[in-house]
Protein backbone atom coordinates (compact mmCIF):
# COMPACT_ATOMS: atom_id res chain seq x y z
CA MET A 1 -148.91 169.63 126.04
CA ALA A 2 -151.77 168.45 123.84
CA ALA A 3 -151.79 169.45 120.20
CA PRO A 4 -154.08 172.40 119.45
CA SER A 5 -157.56 171.47 118.39
CA THR A 6 -159.01 172.80 115.19
CA ASP A 7 -162.52 172.55 116.74
CA SER A 8 -163.99 175.75 118.10
CA THR A 9 -167.42 177.33 118.11
CA GLY A 10 -169.61 179.22 120.47
CA PRO A 11 -170.90 176.99 123.29
CA ASP A 12 -174.11 175.07 122.77
CA PRO A 13 -176.93 175.38 125.33
CA GLY A 14 -175.24 172.67 127.40
CA GLY A 15 -171.99 174.64 127.53
CA ARG A 16 -170.04 172.22 125.34
CA ARG A 17 -168.51 173.30 122.04
CA PRO A 18 -169.24 171.05 119.05
CA THR A 19 -166.05 169.47 117.69
CA ILE A 20 -164.95 168.17 114.34
CA ASN A 21 -165.58 164.68 115.75
CA ASP A 22 -169.21 165.62 116.41
CA VAL A 23 -169.59 166.83 112.82
CA ALA A 24 -168.02 163.65 111.44
CA HIS A 25 -170.30 161.48 113.61
CA ALA A 26 -173.43 163.41 112.63
CA ALA A 27 -172.58 163.31 108.93
CA GLN A 28 -171.33 159.69 109.12
CA VAL A 29 -168.04 160.57 107.44
CA SER A 30 -164.40 160.66 108.52
CA LYS A 31 -162.71 163.65 110.20
CA LYS A 32 -160.57 163.95 107.09
CA THR A 33 -163.66 164.43 104.93
CA VAL A 34 -164.95 167.13 107.28
CA SER A 35 -161.58 168.87 107.10
CA ARG A 36 -161.62 168.75 103.31
CA VAL A 37 -165.09 170.27 103.21
CA ILE A 38 -164.02 173.04 105.59
CA ASN A 39 -161.00 173.77 103.38
CA GLN A 40 -163.11 173.87 100.19
CA VAL A 41 -161.36 170.93 98.51
CA ALA A 42 -163.04 170.57 95.11
CA THR A 43 -162.88 166.77 94.85
CA VAL A 44 -165.23 165.99 97.76
CA HIS A 45 -168.29 164.13 96.47
CA PRO A 46 -171.33 166.46 96.38
CA ASP A 47 -173.44 164.11 98.54
CA MET A 48 -170.77 163.96 101.24
CA ARG A 49 -170.26 167.73 101.06
CA ALA A 50 -173.98 168.30 101.53
CA ARG A 51 -174.10 165.95 104.56
CA VAL A 52 -171.13 167.67 106.19
CA GLU A 53 -172.46 171.15 105.53
CA ARG A 54 -175.85 170.15 106.94
CA ALA A 55 -174.20 168.74 110.09
CA ILE A 56 -172.09 171.90 110.49
CA ALA A 57 -175.21 174.07 110.25
CA GLU A 58 -177.26 171.93 112.63
CA LEU A 59 -174.49 171.74 115.25
CA GLY A 60 -173.43 175.39 114.89
CA PHE A 61 -169.83 174.30 114.36
CA ARG A 62 -167.25 176.99 113.49
CA PRO A 63 -163.55 176.21 112.96
CA ASN A 64 -161.17 178.32 115.02
CA PRO A 65 -158.73 180.06 112.63
CA GLN A 66 -155.99 180.50 115.24
CA ALA A 67 -156.15 176.88 116.30
CA ARG A 68 -156.17 175.72 112.69
CA SER A 69 -153.11 177.84 112.03
CA LEU A 70 -151.22 176.23 114.90
CA ALA A 71 -152.35 172.75 113.96
CA PHE A 72 -151.35 173.08 110.33
CA GLY A 73 -148.09 174.94 111.04
CA ARG A 74 -149.07 177.84 108.78
CA ALA A 75 -151.42 180.80 108.66
CA PHE A 76 -154.49 180.73 106.46
CA LEU A 77 -152.98 183.38 104.23
CA LEU A 78 -152.03 183.47 100.57
CA GLY A 79 -149.65 186.09 99.19
CA LEU A 80 -149.58 188.14 96.01
CA ILE A 81 -146.05 189.20 95.07
CA TYR A 82 -145.60 191.65 92.21
CA ASP A 83 -143.53 194.35 90.56
CA ASN A 84 -145.89 195.80 87.98
CA PRO A 85 -146.05 199.49 87.02
CA SER A 86 -149.76 199.35 86.08
CA PRO A 87 -151.83 199.90 89.25
CA THR A 88 -155.11 199.10 87.46
CA TYR A 89 -153.76 195.70 86.38
CA VAL A 90 -152.72 194.91 89.94
CA VAL A 91 -156.05 195.99 91.44
CA ASN A 92 -158.02 193.90 88.92
CA MET A 93 -155.79 190.92 89.72
CA GLN A 94 -156.44 191.38 93.45
CA HIS A 95 -160.20 191.40 92.84
CA GLY A 96 -159.90 188.12 90.95
CA LEU A 97 -157.83 186.50 93.68
CA LEU A 98 -160.37 187.58 96.29
CA ASP A 99 -163.15 186.12 94.13
CA GLY A 100 -161.33 182.79 94.23
CA LEU A 101 -160.76 182.93 98.00
CA ARG A 102 -164.27 183.97 98.99
CA GLY A 103 -165.81 181.50 101.40
CA THR A 104 -162.62 179.44 101.83
CA GLY A 105 -161.40 180.93 105.11
CA MET A 106 -158.24 182.11 103.34
CA GLU A 107 -157.16 185.76 103.23
CA LEU A 108 -154.87 187.64 100.82
CA VAL A 109 -151.68 189.49 101.75
CA VAL A 110 -150.17 191.77 99.10
CA HIS A 111 -146.45 192.47 98.77
CA PRO A 112 -145.03 194.84 96.12
CA CYS A 113 -141.29 194.68 95.50
CA ARG A 114 -138.60 195.72 93.02
CA HIS A 115 -137.51 192.94 90.71
CA ALA A 116 -134.13 194.60 90.17
CA ALA A 117 -133.39 194.96 93.90
CA PRO A 118 -130.24 193.06 94.98
CA THR A 119 -132.08 191.91 98.10
CA LEU A 120 -135.11 190.54 96.18
CA LEU A 121 -134.74 186.89 97.21
CA GLU A 122 -134.07 187.69 100.85
CA GLU A 123 -137.10 190.00 100.86
CA ILE A 124 -139.39 187.33 99.42
CA ARG A 125 -138.11 184.68 101.84
CA GLU A 126 -138.70 187.01 104.79
CA PHE A 127 -142.23 187.86 103.58
CA VAL A 128 -143.23 184.21 103.16
CA GLU A 129 -141.73 183.09 106.46
CA ARG A 130 -142.88 186.09 108.52
CA GLN A 131 -146.48 185.74 107.33
CA ARG A 132 -146.30 181.91 107.44
CA LEU A 133 -147.97 181.87 104.03
CA ALA A 134 -149.68 178.77 102.71
CA GLY A 135 -148.72 179.79 99.16
CA VAL A 136 -148.14 182.70 96.80
CA VAL A 137 -149.27 183.98 93.41
CA LEU A 138 -146.55 185.61 91.29
CA LEU A 139 -147.11 188.24 88.59
CA PRO A 140 -144.66 189.06 85.77
CA PRO A 141 -141.75 189.65 85.79
CA LEU A 142 -141.31 187.81 89.12
CA SER A 143 -143.26 184.84 87.75
CA GLU A 144 -140.66 184.56 84.98
CA ASP A 145 -137.63 184.57 87.31
CA GLU A 146 -136.39 181.03 87.95
CA ARG A 147 -134.39 182.25 90.96
CA VAL A 148 -137.66 183.12 92.69
CA ILE A 149 -139.16 179.73 91.80
CA ALA A 150 -136.08 177.91 93.13
CA LEU A 151 -136.33 179.86 96.39
CA LEU A 152 -140.02 179.02 96.90
CA ARG A 153 -139.36 175.35 96.20
CA SER A 154 -136.47 175.31 98.67
CA ILE A 155 -138.63 176.65 101.51
CA GLY A 156 -141.62 174.46 100.62
CA CYS A 157 -143.94 177.29 99.62
CA SER A 158 -146.64 176.43 97.07
CA TYR A 159 -146.96 178.88 94.19
CA VAL A 160 -148.87 179.64 91.01
CA ARG A 161 -147.34 181.92 88.44
CA ILE A 162 -149.13 184.02 85.85
CA ALA A 163 -147.12 184.49 82.67
CA ALA A 164 -147.42 185.07 78.94
CA LEU A 165 -146.23 181.57 78.08
CA ALA A 166 -145.98 178.19 79.81
CA LEU A 167 -142.91 178.10 82.09
CA ASP A 168 -143.93 175.32 84.49
CA GLU A 169 -146.27 172.36 84.92
CA PRO A 170 -149.91 173.30 84.17
CA GLY A 171 -150.93 173.03 87.83
CA SER A 172 -148.51 175.84 88.72
CA MET A 173 -149.36 178.14 85.81
CA VAL A 174 -151.99 180.48 84.48
CA THR A 175 -150.71 180.95 80.93
CA THR A 176 -152.11 184.03 79.19
CA ASN A 177 -151.11 183.24 75.55
CA ASP A 178 -150.29 186.89 74.85
CA HIS A 179 -148.90 186.18 71.37
CA LEU A 180 -152.38 185.33 70.10
CA GLY A 181 -153.82 188.69 71.11
CA ALA A 182 -150.86 190.64 69.76
CA ALA A 183 -151.13 188.80 66.44
CA GLU A 184 -154.81 189.72 66.23
CA ALA A 185 -153.90 193.39 66.78
CA GLY A 186 -151.30 193.29 64.00
CA ASP A 187 -153.68 191.58 61.62
CA HIS A 188 -156.39 194.16 62.36
CA LEU A 189 -154.17 197.17 61.66
CA ALA A 190 -152.84 195.62 58.46
CA ARG A 191 -156.39 194.90 57.25
CA LEU A 192 -157.26 198.54 57.92
CA GLY A 193 -154.63 199.46 55.32
CA HIS A 194 -151.86 200.69 57.61
CA ARG A 195 -148.27 200.03 56.57
CA ARG A 196 -146.28 202.51 58.71
CA ILE A 197 -147.11 200.79 61.99
CA ALA A 198 -145.09 201.41 65.15
CA LEU A 199 -144.57 198.98 68.03
CA LEU A 200 -144.22 200.38 71.55
CA ARG A 201 -142.83 197.61 73.74
CA GLY A 202 -142.64 197.25 77.51
CA PRO A 203 -139.58 196.79 79.72
CA PRO A 204 -137.21 194.15 78.27
CA SER A 205 -137.24 192.37 81.67
CA PHE A 206 -140.88 191.35 81.06
CA ARG A 207 -141.24 188.16 79.03
CA SER A 208 -144.62 189.48 77.86
CA CYS A 209 -142.74 192.22 76.00
CA THR A 210 -140.96 189.64 73.86
CA VAL A 211 -143.95 187.33 73.44
CA ARG A 212 -146.36 190.08 72.43
CA GLY A 213 -143.77 191.62 70.13
CA HIS A 214 -143.19 188.33 68.30
CA GLY A 215 -146.91 187.77 67.83
CA PHE A 216 -147.41 191.27 66.43
CA ILE A 217 -144.41 191.21 64.07
CA GLY A 218 -145.39 187.76 62.80
CA ALA A 219 -148.89 189.02 61.95
CA LEU A 220 -147.46 191.98 60.03
CA ALA A 221 -145.14 189.65 58.12
CA ALA A 222 -148.15 187.58 57.03
CA HIS A 223 -149.36 190.74 55.27
CA GLY A 224 -145.95 191.45 53.71
CA ILE A 225 -145.15 194.24 56.19
CA THR A 226 -141.71 194.55 57.78
CA LEU A 227 -141.47 196.57 60.99
CA ASP A 228 -139.19 199.58 60.43
CA PRO A 229 -136.52 199.59 63.20
CA ALA A 230 -137.17 203.32 63.64
CA LEU A 231 -140.73 202.46 64.65
CA ASP A 232 -139.73 199.79 67.18
CA ARG A 233 -139.41 201.50 70.57
CA ASP A 234 -139.06 200.43 74.21
CA GLY A 235 -141.40 201.77 76.87
CA ALA A 236 -141.90 201.12 80.57
CA TYR A 237 -145.56 199.99 80.71
CA THR A 238 -146.41 203.44 82.14
CA PHE A 239 -148.51 206.36 80.90
CA GLU A 240 -145.48 208.66 81.06
CA SER A 241 -143.37 206.39 78.87
CA GLY A 242 -146.24 206.28 76.37
CA VAL A 243 -146.29 210.09 76.17
CA GLU A 244 -142.51 210.21 75.69
CA ALA A 245 -142.42 207.50 73.02
CA GLY A 246 -145.46 208.97 71.30
CA HIS A 247 -143.73 212.33 70.89
CA ALA A 248 -140.57 210.65 69.58
CA LEU A 249 -142.44 208.55 67.02
CA LEU A 250 -144.67 211.37 65.81
CA ALA A 251 -141.68 213.72 65.42
CA LEU A 252 -140.10 211.44 62.80
CA ALA A 253 -139.83 212.74 59.24
CA ASP A 254 -142.01 209.79 58.18
CA PRO A 255 -144.21 209.14 61.24
CA PRO A 256 -146.41 206.09 61.73
CA THR A 257 -150.09 206.09 60.84
CA ALA A 258 -150.79 203.55 63.58
CA ILE A 259 -149.16 202.58 66.88
CA PHE A 260 -149.60 199.32 68.79
CA ALA A 261 -148.66 199.75 72.46
CA LEU A 262 -148.10 196.62 74.50
CA ASN A 263 -150.30 197.86 77.35
CA ASP A 264 -153.14 200.32 77.75
CA ASP A 265 -151.26 202.73 80.01
CA MET A 266 -148.74 203.40 77.24
CA ALA A 267 -151.43 203.49 74.54
CA ILE A 268 -153.28 206.24 76.39
CA GLY A 269 -149.97 208.05 76.82
CA VAL A 270 -149.49 207.89 73.04
CA MET A 271 -152.97 209.39 72.55
CA GLN A 272 -152.03 212.22 74.91
CA ALA A 273 -148.84 212.92 72.94
CA ALA A 274 -150.81 212.99 69.68
CA ARG A 275 -153.21 215.58 71.08
CA GLU A 276 -150.35 217.70 72.38
CA ARG A 277 -148.98 217.74 68.82
CA GLY A 278 -152.31 218.91 67.43
CA LEU A 279 -153.32 215.63 65.80
CA GLU A 280 -156.93 214.51 65.57
CA LEU A 281 -157.65 210.98 66.75
CA PRO A 282 -158.30 208.62 65.08
CA ARG A 283 -158.21 210.50 61.76
CA ASP A 284 -154.48 211.29 61.97
CA LEU A 285 -153.34 208.31 64.05
CA SER A 286 -154.78 204.91 64.96
CA VAL A 287 -153.85 203.49 68.37
CA VAL A 288 -154.29 199.97 69.78
CA GLY A 289 -153.46 198.86 73.32
CA PHE A 290 -153.24 195.62 75.28
CA ASP A 291 -155.00 194.37 78.47
CA ASP A 292 -158.33 196.18 77.92
CA LEU A 293 -158.28 197.80 81.34
CA PRO A 294 -161.47 199.65 82.38
CA MET A 295 -159.92 202.98 81.33
CA ALA A 296 -159.85 201.79 77.69
CA ALA A 297 -163.61 202.34 77.43
CA ARG A 298 -163.47 205.68 79.29
CA VAL A 299 -160.97 207.66 77.22
CA TRP A 300 -161.94 209.34 73.95
CA PRO A 301 -161.77 207.98 71.39
CA ASN A 302 -162.46 204.70 73.16
CA LEU A 303 -159.35 202.55 72.91
CA THR A 304 -159.26 199.43 70.74
CA SER A 305 -157.40 196.95 72.92
CA VAL A 306 -156.55 193.28 73.32
CA ARG A 307 -158.60 192.02 76.25
CA LEU A 308 -156.96 189.81 78.83
CA PRO A 309 -159.51 188.55 81.38
CA ILE A 310 -157.36 189.79 84.26
CA ARG A 311 -159.92 189.31 87.01
CA ASP A 312 -160.72 185.81 85.75
CA MET A 313 -156.98 185.06 85.65
CA GLY A 314 -156.70 186.05 89.31
CA GLN A 315 -159.58 183.77 90.27
CA MET A 316 -158.05 180.88 88.32
CA ALA A 317 -154.71 181.42 90.06
CA ALA A 318 -156.38 181.43 93.49
CA GLU A 319 -158.29 178.23 92.74
CA LYS A 320 -155.15 176.45 91.52
CA LEU A 321 -153.17 177.59 94.54
CA LEU A 322 -155.89 176.44 96.94
CA ALA A 323 -155.90 173.05 95.24
CA ARG A 324 -152.13 172.74 95.63
CA VAL A 325 -152.25 173.83 99.27
CA ASN A 326 -154.94 171.23 99.99
CA GLY A 327 -153.12 168.41 98.19
CA VAL A 328 -155.54 168.24 95.27
CA ASP A 329 -154.47 167.87 91.65
CA PRO A 330 -155.26 171.26 90.01
CA ALA A 331 -156.12 169.37 86.82
CA ALA A 332 -159.35 168.34 88.56
CA LEU A 333 -160.47 171.99 88.34
CA ASP A 334 -160.89 171.74 84.55
CA GLN A 335 -160.26 175.46 84.00
CA PRO A 336 -160.59 176.95 80.50
CA ALA A 337 -157.59 178.27 78.59
CA VAL A 338 -156.98 182.02 78.70
CA CYS A 339 -157.75 183.42 75.24
CA PRO A 340 -156.92 187.09 74.55
CA ALA A 341 -159.36 188.82 72.20
CA LEU A 342 -159.25 192.13 70.35
CA VAL A 343 -162.02 194.54 71.41
CA LEU A 344 -162.83 196.94 68.58
CA ARG A 345 -163.54 200.57 69.49
CA GLN A 346 -163.05 204.00 67.91
CA SER A 347 -159.30 204.55 68.29
CA ALA A 348 -158.28 202.53 65.21
CA ILE A 349 -159.80 203.15 61.77
CA ALA A 350 -159.01 202.41 58.13
CA LEU A 351 -156.19 204.48 56.64
CA PRO A 352 -157.78 207.37 54.71
């Protein structure tokens, strides 16, 4: 049986479908160049790309996705695998990935899972193989689990991981440099005159919890402030855990005047706890979050938060993964570094 053709369009007036060979002949390039243009490979010379695109338009050529899938031995699908308790973070990441895939012929398949599940690796293997994925993007904490990386390498699945610090070669990473943003938050609260500052962490299984915590504590130390162990609490990156921790911190005999929560969900939970205890924000308590999700600008007082460009991060991950899938060095993309930045709003003020 002949190998499946990747050439398929609606018939021309003569009844014959234009093929990839016709496009190559019309553009005076090789079939390989046509294929690279179709697959959005970034390193194709602009002149050649223009010739191929013009030939495709003039001939009315359309690649057949099913035939391409058979020919390449994989579906034109990329996967997003995550275990993240913040739904807004995940949705923003999906939007960014879709931005990066737009116009490439690739589609996104989303797979939530439980990092602590004993069947995690088997579940991921089954997902990748069942969907015949071309590659996957991993969010923390899965992106920080070397067992998952070893599995993907063993089955030949390309990946890009998003994480707070560099854990892999640059072409396989979108590094978010969380410590820089957390340090800026600590410096800001110290400059506002706060000394009783609490730290509300995330789940210990997230590397971002450790990285952000170190950046924050280091910034306080630069101002001669030592974090009181009573003010150092674990959360779960959820609104509910923010409410619970907020009540516990504010019930102390010597409560904090400011709280830095390592994500916005928990920060808003802290604000809810403060209101339930009859406190006025920000007069009685300053609050700073992390991620700068859309809700940060919608609560009152508006939440001061460290902005991570989550949607941009998703687009960068998609572009790197597409490059890897198409055999292109991701370094050719020349992407900027991710730089967290503190966004000042009304929820944090100078200590009266």
